[in-house]
Amino acid sequence: MQKNKINIAIDGYSSCGKSTMAKQLAKEIGYMYIDSGAMYRAVSLYALRNGWMDNHSLDEDALRRQIPGIRITFRTNDKGVQETYLNGENVEKDIRTLEVSNGASRVSTLGFVRRELVRQQQELGKQKGVVMDGRDIGTVVFPDAELKLFLTAPPEVRAQRRFAEMQEKGDHSATYEDVLANVKERDLRDTTRAESPLRKAPDAIELDNSHVNIQEQFQWAVDMFHKTIQQYGIQTGNR
């Protein structure tokens, strides 16, 4: 274990900018960023490729039998961007489709899937120096993380952000009301699921970023990091 590094858990509601913050922070302090959501997407891709899942059904028994053989890792490419590997295959592009995303929300509710991925996530964090974002990082994956951050904002604010992002990308497939309904649906699913529901860890530092831009949010995270390592008496050569 690297005694001069800590683990950082970033949790919160959908469309709060968790991934953006985690990636920026990891790059700034020289830590490994782990996209926990990409791991569930990889399992979704595996199930789709094997014909165990479609729009109407999911063969849980088949997935349960094969889950021990699914290994998800991360590597940084020559441009410094982290990519997801499924059993040694680069699947970064394959896991970003809408079909895979929808499947990920389904497989993530399965207890045996979550337990296996939590095990793999904890393995990745054993050496410290990890920034991981998700829904249950500070409560389940890294309950002993030295720094836990929790992001929140009202559903209306998050829906407006996502809607604006869709408009900028030329995606006019949904109205603001559609996006808001989806955000509220995800909130309900995330907070009420039986396995690892979304909740703020008692020792997490909360930020309501309703009126905070990306740069201000990033600076807040950096400040929390430096405050934490000072508390632990850790010396670092990072900025």
Protein backbone atom coordinates (compact mmCIF):
# COMPACT_ATOMS: atom_id res chain seq x y z
CA MET A 1 0.00 0.00 0.00
CA GLN A 2 1.22 3.49 -0.85
CA LYS A 3 1.28 5.32 2.46
CA ASN A 4 1.50 8.69 0.72
CA LYS A 5 -1.83 8.27 -1.06
CA ILE A 6 -5.49 8.00 -0.11
CA ASN A 7 -8.66 6.72 -1.74
CA ILE A 8 -11.34 9.20 -2.79
CA ALA A 9 -15.01 8.23 -3.12
CA ILE A 10 -17.35 10.50 -5.08
CA ASP A 11 -21.06 9.70 -4.90
CA GLY A 12 -24.24 11.55 -5.76
CA TYR A 13 -27.28 11.81 -7.94
CA SER A 14 -27.34 11.45 -11.72
CA SER A 15 -26.27 14.46 -13.81
CA CYS A 16 -24.40 16.08 -10.94
CA GLY A 17 -21.04 16.01 -12.71
CA LYS A 18 -19.48 13.23 -10.62
CA SER A 19 -17.49 11.75 -13.49
CA THR A 20 -16.23 15.12 -14.68
CA MET A 21 -15.08 16.00 -11.18
CA ALA A 22 -13.48 12.59 -10.62
CA LYS A 23 -11.56 12.66 -13.91
CA GLN A 24 -10.32 16.22 -13.36
CA LEU A 25 -9.29 15.54 -9.78
CA ALA A 26 -7.49 12.29 -10.60
CA LYS A 27 -5.52 13.99 -13.37
CA GLU A 28 -4.64 16.95 -11.16
CA ILE A 29 -3.30 14.89 -8.26
CA GLY A 30 -1.84 11.99 -10.26
CA TYR A 31 -4.28 9.32 -9.07
CA MET A 32 -6.05 6.53 -10.98
CA TYR A 33 -9.61 7.31 -12.02
CA ILE A 34 -12.02 4.37 -12.00
CA ASP A 35 -15.39 4.71 -13.71
CA SER A 36 -17.57 2.28 -11.73
CA GLY A 37 -20.43 2.85 -14.16
CA ALA A 38 -18.26 1.57 -17.01
CA MET A 39 -17.92 -1.71 -15.16
CA TYR A 40 -21.69 -2.25 -15.13
CA ARG A 41 -21.79 -1.26 -18.79
CA ALA A 42 -19.16 -3.92 -19.52
CA VAL A 43 -21.29 -6.58 -17.82
CA SER A 44 -24.26 -5.36 -19.86
CA LEU A 45 -22.22 -5.67 -23.07
CA TYR A 46 -21.15 -9.19 -22.09
CA ALA A 47 -24.77 -10.22 -21.51
CA LEU A 48 -25.93 -8.67 -24.79
CA ARG A 49 -23.16 -10.32 -26.79
CA ASN A 50 -24.06 -13.71 -25.36
CA GLY A 51 -27.75 -13.28 -26.10
CA TRP A 52 -28.79 -13.30 -22.45
CA MET A 53 -30.53 -9.93 -22.57
CA ASP A 54 -32.86 -8.05 -24.89
CA ASN A 55 -35.43 -5.31 -24.44
CA HIS A 56 -37.87 -7.65 -22.73
CA SER A 57 -35.90 -10.30 -20.85
CA LEU A 58 -32.69 -11.08 -18.99
CA ASP A 59 -31.34 -14.58 -18.37
CA GLU A 60 -30.17 -14.06 -14.80
CA ASP A 61 -29.17 -17.70 -14.33
CA ALA A 62 -26.77 -17.62 -17.28
CA LEU A 63 -25.23 -14.36 -16.11
CA ARG A 64 -24.95 -15.67 -12.55
CA ARG A 65 -23.02 -18.72 -13.78
CA GLN A 66 -20.62 -16.65 -15.88
CA ILE A 67 -20.08 -13.60 -13.64
CA PRO A 68 -16.95 -15.11 -11.96
CA GLY A 69 -15.29 -15.19 -15.40
CA ILE A 70 -15.91 -11.52 -16.20
CA ARG A 71 -12.82 -9.42 -15.51
CA ILE A 72 -12.91 -5.66 -16.00
CA THR A 73 -9.76 -3.55 -15.94
CA PHE A 74 -8.66 -0.07 -16.95
CA ARG A 75 -5.68 1.11 -18.97
CA THR A 76 -4.50 4.55 -20.00
CA ASN A 77 -3.96 5.05 -23.73
CA ASP A 78 -1.17 7.06 -25.38
CA LYS A 79 -3.32 10.20 -25.15
CA GLY A 80 -3.63 9.87 -21.40
CA VAL A 81 -7.28 8.79 -21.57
CA GLN A 82 -8.41 5.85 -19.50
CA GLU A 83 -10.18 3.04 -21.35
CA THR A 84 -12.23 0.06 -20.21
CA TYR A 85 -11.18 -3.53 -20.93
CA LEU A 86 -13.42 -6.58 -20.75
CA ASN A 87 -11.42 -9.79 -20.35
CA GLY A 88 -8.48 -8.10 -22.06
CA GLU A 89 -10.47 -6.50 -24.90
CA ASN A 90 -10.76 -2.74 -25.26
CA VAL A 91 -14.52 -2.10 -25.15
CA GLU A 92 -14.49 1.62 -24.38
CA LYS A 93 -16.47 2.56 -27.50
CA ASP A 94 -18.75 -0.49 -27.38
CA ILE A 95 -20.03 0.27 -23.87
CA ARG A 96 -21.13 3.83 -24.68
CA THR A 97 -24.20 2.91 -26.74
CA LEU A 98 -27.74 3.55 -25.56
CA GLU A 99 -28.52 -0.17 -25.68
CA VAL A 100 -25.62 -1.00 -23.39
CA SER A 101 -26.48 1.92 -21.10
CA ASN A 102 -30.06 0.73 -20.72
CA GLY A 103 -28.83 -2.79 -20.04
CA ALA A 104 -26.41 -1.53 -17.41
CA SER A 105 -29.27 -0.03 -15.39
CA ARG A 106 -30.87 -3.47 -15.37
CA VAL A 107 -27.86 -5.62 -14.47
CA SER A 108 -26.84 -3.13 -11.77
CA THR A 109 -29.93 -4.10 -9.75
CA LEU A 110 -28.77 -7.73 -9.49
CA GLY A 111 -27.15 -8.51 -6.16
CA PHE A 112 -24.70 -11.09 -7.51
CA VAL A 113 -23.47 -8.62 -10.16
CA ARG A 114 -22.98 -5.82 -7.64
CA ARG A 115 -21.16 -8.10 -5.21
CA GLU A 116 -18.71 -9.28 -7.87
CA LEU A 117 -18.02 -5.79 -9.18
CA VAL A 118 -17.64 -4.40 -5.67
CA ARG A 119 -15.05 -7.13 -5.06
CA GLN A 120 -13.15 -6.10 -8.20
CA GLN A 121 -13.42 -2.41 -7.32
CA GLN A 122 -12.04 -3.05 -3.83
CA GLU A 123 -9.14 -4.97 -5.37
CA LEU A 124 -8.34 -1.95 -7.54
CA GLY A 125 -8.32 0.27 -4.46
CA LYS A 126 -6.06 -1.84 -2.27
CA GLN A 127 -2.93 0.02 -3.30
CA LYS A 128 -4.58 3.42 -2.65
CA GLY A 129 -4.31 6.38 -5.02
CA VAL A 130 -7.77 5.81 -6.52
CA VAL A 131 -10.57 8.25 -7.35
CA MET A 132 -13.84 6.38 -7.97
CA ASP A 133 -17.29 7.77 -8.64
CA GLY A 134 -20.67 6.09 -8.47
CA ARG A 135 -23.69 5.59 -6.25
CA ASP A 136 -22.32 3.40 -3.45
CA ILE A 137 -18.58 4.08 -3.38
CA GLY A 138 -18.41 5.78 0.02
CA THR A 139 -20.96 3.48 1.64
CA VAL A 140 -20.16 0.04 0.18
CA VAL A 141 -17.06 -0.05 -2.02
CA PHE A 142 -14.70 2.15 -0.01
CA PRO A 143 -16.39 2.67 3.38
CA ASP A 144 -12.93 3.48 4.81
CA ALA A 145 -12.00 6.00 2.10
CA GLU A 146 -10.10 8.89 3.58
CA LEU A 147 -12.06 11.42 1.52
CA LYS A 148 -15.73 11.07 0.59
CA LEU A 149 -17.55 13.66 -1.50
CA PHE A 150 -21.29 13.71 -2.21
CA LEU A 151 -22.81 15.81 -4.99
CA THR A 152 -26.43 16.84 -5.16
CA ALA A 153 -28.77 19.33 -6.80
CA PRO A 154 -32.56 19.53 -7.29
CA PRO A 155 -33.95 17.31 -10.10
CA GLU A 156 -35.01 20.39 -12.08
CA VAL A 157 -31.46 21.74 -12.14
CA ARG A 158 -29.96 18.42 -13.18
CA ALA A 159 -32.60 17.89 -15.85
CA GLN A 160 -31.92 21.34 -17.31
CA ARG A 161 -28.22 20.57 -17.50
CA ARG A 162 -28.79 17.27 -19.26
CA PHE A 163 -31.35 18.80 -21.62
CA ALA A 164 -28.96 21.62 -22.54
CA GLU A 165 -26.20 19.09 -23.18
CA MET A 166 -28.49 17.11 -25.47
CA GLN A 167 -29.44 20.25 -27.37
CA GLU A 168 -25.78 21.19 -27.85
CA LYS A 169 -25.12 17.75 -29.32
CA GLY A 170 -28.01 18.15 -31.72
CA ASP A 171 -30.12 15.58 -29.92
CA HIS A 172 -33.73 16.81 -30.05
CA SER A 173 -35.31 13.46 -29.25
CA ALA A 174 -36.68 14.53 -25.87
CA THR A 175 -38.34 17.55 -24.29
CA TYR A 176 -37.24 19.07 -20.99
CA GLU A 177 -40.27 17.44 -19.37
CA ASP A 178 -39.15 14.04 -20.70
CA VAL A 179 -35.66 14.53 -19.30
CA LEU A 180 -37.00 15.68 -15.92
CA ALA A 181 -39.22 12.61 -15.70
CA ASN A 182 -36.22 10.40 -16.47
CA VAL A 183 -34.08 12.10 -13.82
CA LYS A 184 -36.78 11.61 -11.21
CA GLU A 185 -37.23 7.98 -12.25
CA ARG A 186 -33.50 7.32 -11.89
CA ASP A 187 -33.45 9.02 -8.50
CA LEU A 188 -36.26 6.79 -7.31
CA ARG A 189 -34.59 3.65 -8.64
CA ASP A 190 -31.18 4.60 -7.22
CA THR A 191 -32.46 5.45 -3.75
CA THR A 192 -34.94 2.62 -3.28
CA ARG A 193 -33.19 -0.42 -4.78
CA ALA A 194 -32.61 -3.26 -2.34
CA GLU A 195 -28.93 -3.70 -3.21
CA SER A 196 -26.60 -0.80 -2.31
CA PRO A 197 -29.04 2.12 -2.62
CA LEU A 198 -27.75 5.63 -3.15
CA ARG A 199 -27.26 7.44 0.14
CA LYS A 200 -24.80 9.88 1.60
CA ALA A 201 -22.18 8.32 3.88
CA PRO A 202 -22.25 9.86 7.39
CA ASP A 203 -18.69 11.18 6.96
CA ALA A 204 -19.10 12.44 3.37
CA ILE A 205 -18.71 16.13 2.55
CA GLU A 206 -21.75 17.34 0.61
CA LEU A 207 -21.85 19.91 -2.16
CA ASP A 208 -25.08 21.22 -3.63
CA ASN A 209 -23.76 22.40 -6.98
CA SER A 210 -26.94 24.10 -8.17
CA HIS A 211 -25.10 27.42 -8.50
CA VAL A 212 -21.55 26.11 -8.98
CA ASN A 213 -19.83 25.83 -12.35
CA ILE A 214 -17.47 23.01 -13.35
CA GLN A 215 -14.30 24.97 -12.56
CA GLU A 216 -15.57 26.03 -9.13
CA GLN A 217 -16.62 22.46 -8.38
CA PHE A 218 -13.21 21.17 -9.43
CA GLN A 219 -11.43 23.71 -7.23
CA TRP A 220 -13.64 22.71 -4.30
CA ALA A 221 -12.62 19.07 -4.78
CA VAL A 222 -8.93 19.99 -4.95
CA ASP A 223 -9.27 22.04 -1.76
CA MET A 224 -10.97 19.13 0.02
CA PHE A 225 -8.18 16.80 -1.14
CA HIS A 226 -5.40 19.03 0.20
CA LYS A 227 -7.25 19.57 3.45
CA THR A 228 -7.60 15.81 3.88
CA ILE A 229 -3.99 14.90 3.17
CA GLN A 230 -2.90 17.59 5.61
CA GLN A 231 -5.10 15.97 8.25
CA TYR A 232 -3.40 12.64 7.58
CA GLY A 233 0.05 14.21 7.53
CA ILE A 234 0.69 13.09 3.97
CA GLN A 235 3.38 14.83 1.96
CA THR A 236 2.83 15.09 -1.77
CA GLY A 237 4.73 16.50 -4.66
CA ASN A 238 1.57 17.28 -6.58
CA ARG A 239 0.43 20.82 -7.19
